[in-house]
Amino acid sequence: MFMSEALTDFLEHLEVEGGRSQKTIINYQLYLERFIDFAGDIAVEKVTSELIRQYRLCS
């Protein structure tokens, strides 16, 4: 599964099962879309702690 697919599933989960507010969901979406822009639409299993560290250093 690629990040863009996982993002959609995650946001739907937050809304339907998580009971999160719309503003919370929008914030998650913005931050995760920025990560996808940085990393590319890679497979979820290719996300590593090193990739996340690099993203945090660049943002």
PDB file of N, CA and C in Angstrom:
ATOM      1  N   MET A   1       0.853  -1.181   0.000  1.00  0.00           N
ATOM      2  CA  MET A   1       0.000   0.000   0.000  1.00  0.00           C
ATOM      3  C   MET A   1       0.893   1.237   0.000  1.00  0.00           C
ATOM      4  N   PHE A   2       0.524   2.181  -0.838  1.00  0.00           N
ATOM      5  CA  PHE A   2       1.285   3.426  -0.920  1.00  0.00           C
ATOM      6  C   PHE A   2       0.758   4.446   0.091  1.00  0.00           C
ATOM      7  N   MET A   3       1.605   5.429   0.387  1.00  0.00           N
ATOM      8  CA  MET A   3       1.274   6.436   1.401  1.00  0.00           C
ATOM      9  C   MET A   3      -0.043   7.155   1.095  1.00  0.00           C
ATOM     10  N   SER A   4      -0.285   7.499  -0.169  1.00  0.00           N
ATOM     11  CA  SER A   4      -1.515   8.227  -0.509  1.00  0.00           C
ATOM     12  C   SER A   4      -2.752   7.388  -0.193  1.00  0.00           C
ATOM     13  N   GLU A   5      -2.676   6.082  -0.424  1.00  0.00           N
ATOM     14  CA  GLU A   5      -3.799   5.193  -0.101  1.00  0.00           C
ATOM     15  C   GLU A   5      -3.973   5.079   1.410  1.00  0.00           C
ATOM     16  N   ALA A   6      -2.859   4.937   2.104  1.00  0.00           N
ATOM     17  CA  ALA A   6      -2.905   4.815   3.556  1.00  0.00           C
ATOM     18  C   ALA A   6      -3.444   6.098   4.183  1.00  0.00           C
ATOM     19  N   LEU A   7      -3.083   7.237   3.609  1.00  0.00           N
ATOM     20  CA  LEU A   7      -3.565   8.517   4.123  1.00  0.00           C
ATOM     21  C   LEU A   7      -5.084   8.582   4.068  1.00  0.00           C
ATOM     22  N   THR A   8      -5.645   8.218   2.934  1.00  0.00           N
ATOM     23  CA  THR A   8      -7.104   8.231   2.784  1.00  0.00           C
ATOM     24  C   THR A   8      -7.764   7.306   3.802  1.00  0.00           C
ATOM     25  N   ASP A   9      -7.233   6.097   3.925  1.00  0.00           N
ATOM     26  CA  ASP A   9      -7.783   5.139   4.893  1.00  0.00           C
ATOM     27  C   ASP A   9      -7.683   5.672   6.320  1.00  0.00           C
ATOM     28  N   PHE A  10      -6.533   6.264   6.650  1.00  0.00           N
ATOM     29  CA  PHE A  10      -6.313   6.785   7.993  1.00  0.00           C
ATOM     30  C   PHE A  10      -7.270   7.926   8.318  1.00  0.00           C
ATOM     31  N   LEU A  11      -7.435   8.846   7.377  1.00  0.00           N
ATOM     32  CA  LEU A  11      -8.332   9.981   7.616  1.00  0.00           C
ATOM     33  C   LEU A  11      -9.777   9.521   7.773  1.00  0.00           C
ATOM     34  N   GLU A  12     -10.189   8.550   6.976  1.00  0.00           N
ATOM     35  CA  GLU A  12     -11.541   8.002   7.118  1.00  0.00           C
ATOM     36  C   GLU A  12     -11.703   7.321   8.469  1.00  0.00           C
ATOM     37  N   HIS A  13     -10.685   6.613   8.905  1.00  0.00           N
ATOM     38  CA  HIS A  13     -10.721   5.961  10.219  1.00  0.00           C
ATOM     39  C   HIS A  13     -10.875   7.000  11.339  1.00  0.00           C
ATOM     40  N   LEU A  14     -10.118   8.088  11.242  1.00  0.00           N
ATOM     41  CA  LEU A  14     -10.207   9.132  12.265  1.00  0.00           C
ATOM     42  C   LEU A  14     -11.617   9.696  12.361  1.00  0.00           C
ATOM     43  N   GLU A  15     -12.232   9.881  11.215  1.00  0.00           N
ATOM     44  CA  GLU A  15     -13.565  10.486  11.187  1.00  0.00           C
ATOM     45  C   GLU A  15     -14.635   9.503  11.655  1.00  0.00           C
ATOM     46  N   VAL A  16     -14.614   8.299  11.114  1.00  0.00           N
ATOM     47  CA  VAL A  16     -15.697   7.348  11.360  1.00  0.00           C
ATOM     48  C   VAL A  16     -15.536   6.634  12.704  1.00  0.00           C
ATOM     49  N   GLU A  17     -14.356   6.049  12.920  1.00  0.00           N
ATOM     50  CA  GLU A  17     -14.168   5.238  14.112  1.00  0.00           C
ATOM     51  C   GLU A  17     -13.494   5.995  15.254  1.00  0.00           C
ATOM     52  N   GLY A  18     -12.729   7.003  14.905  1.00  0.00           N
ATOM     53  CA  GLY A  18     -11.983   7.722  15.925  1.00  0.00           C
ATOM     54  C   GLY A  18     -12.759   8.850  16.574  1.00  0.00           C
ATOM     55  N   GLY A  19     -13.817   9.301  15.906  1.00  0.00           N
ATOM     56  CA  GLY A  19     -14.617  10.390  16.455  1.00  0.00           C
ATOM     57  C   GLY A  19     -13.860  11.699  16.589  1.00  0.00           C
ATOM     58  N   ARG A  20     -12.866  11.901  15.749  1.00  0.00           N
ATOM     59  CA  ARG A  20     -12.061  13.130  15.818  1.00  0.00           C
ATOM     60  C   ARG A  20     -12.801  14.293  15.162  1.00  0.00           C
ATOM     61  N   SER A  21     -12.468  15.495  15.604  1.00  0.00           N
ATOM     62  CA  SER A  21     -13.094  16.678  15.026  1.00  0.00           C
ATOM     63  C   SER A  21     -12.569  16.906  13.615  1.00  0.00           C
ATOM     64  N   GLN A  22     -13.320  17.663  12.843  1.00  0.00           N
ATOM     65  CA  GLN A  22     -12.927  17.957  11.465  1.00  0.00           C
ATOM     66  C   GLN A  22     -11.612  18.720  11.424  1.00  0.00           C
ATOM     67  N   LYS A  23     -11.392  19.612  12.376  1.00  0.00           N
ATOM     68  CA  LYS A  23     -10.136  20.384  12.410  1.00  0.00           C
ATOM     69  C   LYS A  23      -8.942  19.477  12.684  1.00  0.00           C
ATOM     70  N   THR A  24      -9.117  18.503  13.553  1.00  0.00           N
ATOM     71  CA  THR A  24      -8.044  17.545  13.837  1.00  0.00           C
ATOM     72  C   THR A  24      -7.708  16.751  12.589  1.00  0.00           C
ATOM     73  N   ILE A  25      -8.721  16.308  11.874  1.00  0.00           N
ATOM     74  CA  ILE A  25      -8.517  15.532  10.655  1.00  0.00           C
ATOM     75  C   ILE A  25      -7.799  16.377   9.602  1.00  0.00           C
ATOM     76  N   ILE A  26      -8.181  17.624   9.465  1.00  0.00           N
ATOM     77  CA  ILE A  26      -7.536  18.528   8.505  1.00  0.00           C
ATOM     78  C   ILE A  26      -6.064  18.715   8.858  1.00  0.00           C
ATOM     79  N   ASN A  27      -5.763  18.867  10.150  1.00  0.00           N
ATOM     80  CA  ASN A  27      -4.368  19.025  10.576  1.00  0.00           C
ATOM     81  C   ASN A  27      -3.550  17.782  10.249  1.00  0.00           C
ATOM     82  N   TYR A  28      -4.076  16.609  10.558  1.00  0.00           N
ATOM     83  CA  TYR A  28      -3.390  15.374  10.195  1.00  0.00           C
ATOM     84  C   TYR A  28      -3.142  15.328   8.692  1.00  0.00           C
ATOM     85  N   GLN A  29      -4.151  15.665   7.926  1.00  0.00           N
ATOM     86  CA  GLN A  29      -4.032  15.625   6.469  1.00  0.00           C
ATOM     87  C   GLN A  29      -2.921  16.550   5.984  1.00  0.00           C
ATOM     88  N   LEU A  30      -2.883  17.775   6.486  1.00  0.00           N
ATOM     89  CA  LEU A  30      -1.861  18.729   6.059  1.00  0.00           C
ATOM     90  C   LEU A  30      -0.461  18.234   6.378  1.00  0.00           C
ATOM     91  N   TYR A  31      -0.246  17.764   7.595  1.00  0.00           N
ATOM     92  CA  TYR A  31       1.078  17.300   7.990  1.00  0.00           C
ATOM     93  C   TYR A  31       1.496  16.055   7.218  1.00  0.00           C
ATOM     94  N   LEU A  32       0.589  15.121   7.027  1.00  0.00           N
ATOM     95  CA  LEU A  32       0.941  13.898   6.317  1.00  0.00           C
ATOM     96  C   LEU A  32       1.130  14.139   4.823  1.00  0.00           C
ATOM     97  N   GLU A  33       0.397  15.078   4.246  1.00  0.00           N
ATOM     98  CA  GLU A  33       0.621  15.422   2.836  1.00  0.00           C
ATOM     99  C   GLU A  33       1.992  16.061   2.651  1.00  0.00           C
ATOM    100  N   ARG A  34       2.425  16.852   3.608  1.00  0.00           N
ATOM    101  CA  ARG A  34       3.775  17.427   3.544  1.00  0.00           C
ATOM    102  C   ARG A  34       4.829  16.331   3.584  1.00  0.00           C
ATOM    103  N   PHE A  35       4.602  15.327   4.429  1.00  0.00           N
ATOM    104  CA  PHE A  35       5.534  14.207   4.496  1.00  0.00           C
ATOM    105  C   PHE A  35       5.567  13.459   3.164  1.00  0.00           C
ATOM    106  N   ILE A  36       4.418  13.237   2.561  1.00  0.00           N
ATOM    107  CA  ILE A  36       4.363  12.550   1.264  1.00  0.00           C
ATOM    108  C   ILE A  36       5.060  13.384   0.186  1.00  0.00           C
ATOM    109  N   ASP A  37       4.896  14.697   0.221  1.00  0.00           N
ATOM    110  CA  ASP A  37       5.602  15.563  -0.725  1.00  0.00           C
ATOM    111  C   ASP A  37       7.113  15.414  -0.565  1.00  0.00           C
ATOM    112  N   PHE A  38       7.562  15.282   0.663  1.00  0.00           N
ATOM    113  CA  PHE A  38       8.990  15.132   0.947  1.00  0.00           C
ATOM    114  C   PHE A  38       9.507  13.760   0.503  1.00  0.00           C
ATOM    115  N   ALA A  39       8.806  12.709   0.905  1.00  0.00           N
ATOM    116  CA  ALA A  39       9.287  11.343   0.698  1.00  0.00           C
ATOM    117  C   ALA A  39       8.871  10.758  -0.647  1.00  0.00           C
ATOM    118  N   GLY A  40       7.855  11.323  -1.259  1.00  0.00           N
ATOM    119  CA  GLY A  40       7.267  10.723  -2.445  1.00  0.00           C
ATOM    120  C   GLY A  40       6.170   9.761  -2.019  1.00  0.00           C
ATOM    121  N   ASP A  41       5.389   9.337  -2.974  1.00  0.00           N
ATOM    122  CA  ASP A  41       4.292   8.410  -2.671  1.00  0.00           C
ATOM    123  C   ASP A  41       4.851   6.993  -2.622  1.00  0.00           C
ATOM    124  N   ILE A  42       5.635   6.732  -1.580  1.00  0.00           N
ATOM    125  CA  ILE A  42       6.316   5.455  -1.437  1.00  0.00           C
ATOM    126  C   ILE A  42       5.424   4.449  -0.723  1.00  0.00           C
ATOM    127  N   ALA A  43       5.825   3.194  -0.789  1.00  0.00           N
ATOM    128  CA  ALA A  43       5.107   2.145  -0.074  1.00  0.00           C
ATOM    129  C   ALA A  43       5.281   2.360   1.425  1.00  0.00           C
ATOM    130  N   VAL A  44       4.230   2.112   2.165  1.00  0.00           N
ATOM    131  CA  VAL A  44       4.236   2.332   3.614  1.00  0.00           C
ATOM    132  C   VAL A  44       5.386   1.569   4.274  1.00  0.00           C
ATOM    133  N   GLU A  45       5.642   0.351   3.817  1.00  0.00           N
ATOM    134  CA  GLU A  45       6.686  -0.450   4.450  1.00  0.00           C
ATOM    135  C   GLU A  45       8.095   0.096   4.215  1.00  0.00           C
ATOM    136  N   LYS A  46       8.233   1.082   3.331  1.00  0.00           N
ATOM    137  CA  LYS A  46       9.534   1.701   3.088  1.00  0.00           C
ATOM    138  C   LYS A  46       9.774   2.927   3.974  1.00  0.00           C
ATOM    139  N   VAL A  47       8.797   3.307   4.778  1.00  0.00           N
ATOM    140  CA  VAL A  47       8.975   4.416   5.704  1.00  0.00           C
ATOM    141  C   VAL A  47       9.818   3.909   6.874  1.00  0.00           C
ATOM    142  N   THR A  48      10.926   4.578   7.104  1.00  0.00           N
ATOM    143  CA  THR A  48      11.831   4.187   8.174  1.00  0.00           C
ATOM    144  C   THR A  48      11.987   5.331   9.168  1.00  0.00           C
ATOM    145  N   SER A  49      12.534   5.005  10.313  1.00  0.00           N
ATOM    146  CA  SER A  49      12.790   6.059  11.297  1.00  0.00           C
ATOM    147  C   SER A  49      13.818   7.048  10.755  1.00  0.00           C
ATOM    148  N   GLU A  50      14.745   6.588   9.934  1.00  0.00           N
ATOM    149  CA  GLU A  50      15.729   7.484   9.322  1.00  0.00           C
ATOM    150  C   GLU A  50      15.064   8.459   8.360  1.00  0.00           C
ATOM    151  N   LEU A  51      14.111   7.996   7.571  1.00  0.00           N
ATOM    152  CA  LEU A  51      13.380   8.867   6.651  1.00  0.00           C
ATOM    153  C   LEU A  51      12.601   9.924   7.435  1.00  0.00           C
ATOM    154  N   ILE A  52      11.978   9.514   8.501  1.00  0.00           N
ATOM    155  CA  ILE A  52      11.229  10.457   9.342  1.00  0.00           C
ATOM    156  C   ILE A  52      12.178  11.473   9.968  1.00  0.00           C
ATOM    157  N   ARG A  53      13.341  11.021  10.416  1.00  0.00           N
ATOM    158  CA  ARG A  53      14.339  11.929  10.993  1.00  0.00           C
ATOM    159  C   ARG A  53      14.773  12.955   9.962  1.00  0.00           C
ATOM    160  N   GLN A  54      15.051  12.513   8.731  1.00  0.00           N
ATOM    161  CA  GLN A  54      15.452  13.436   7.674  1.00  0.00           C
ATOM    162  C   GLN A  54      14.351  14.462   7.395  1.00  0.00           C
ATOM    163  N   TYR A  55      13.118  14.005   7.364  1.00  0.00           N
ATOM    164  CA  TYR A  55      11.997  14.912   7.150  1.00  0.00           C
ATOM    165  C   TYR A  55      11.925  15.963   8.250  1.00  0.00           C
ATOM    166  N   ARG A  56      12.062  15.519   9.483  1.00  0.00           N
ATOM    167  CA  ARG A  56      11.979  16.460  10.609  1.00  0.00           C
ATOM    168  C   ARG A  56      13.109  17.480  10.578  1.00  0.00           C
ATOM    169  N   LEU A  57      14.275  17.076  10.127  1.00  0.00           N
ATOM    170  CA  LEU A  57      15.402  18.012  10.027  1.00  0.00           C
ATOM    171  C   LEU A  57      15.210  19.045   8.930  1.00  0.00           C
ATOM    172  N   CYS A  58      14.495  18.650   7.877  1.00  0.00           N
ATOM    173  CA  CYS A  58      14.276  19.558   6.735  1.00  0.00           C
ATOM    174  C   CYS A  58      13.067  20.472   6.912  1.00  0.00           C
ATOM    175  N   SER A  59      12.155  20.126   7.815  1.00  0.00           N
ATOM    176  CA  SER A  59      10.955  20.941   7.925  1.00  0.00           C
ATOM    177  C   SER A  59      11.080  22.025   8.945  1.00  0.00           C
TER     178      SER A  59
END
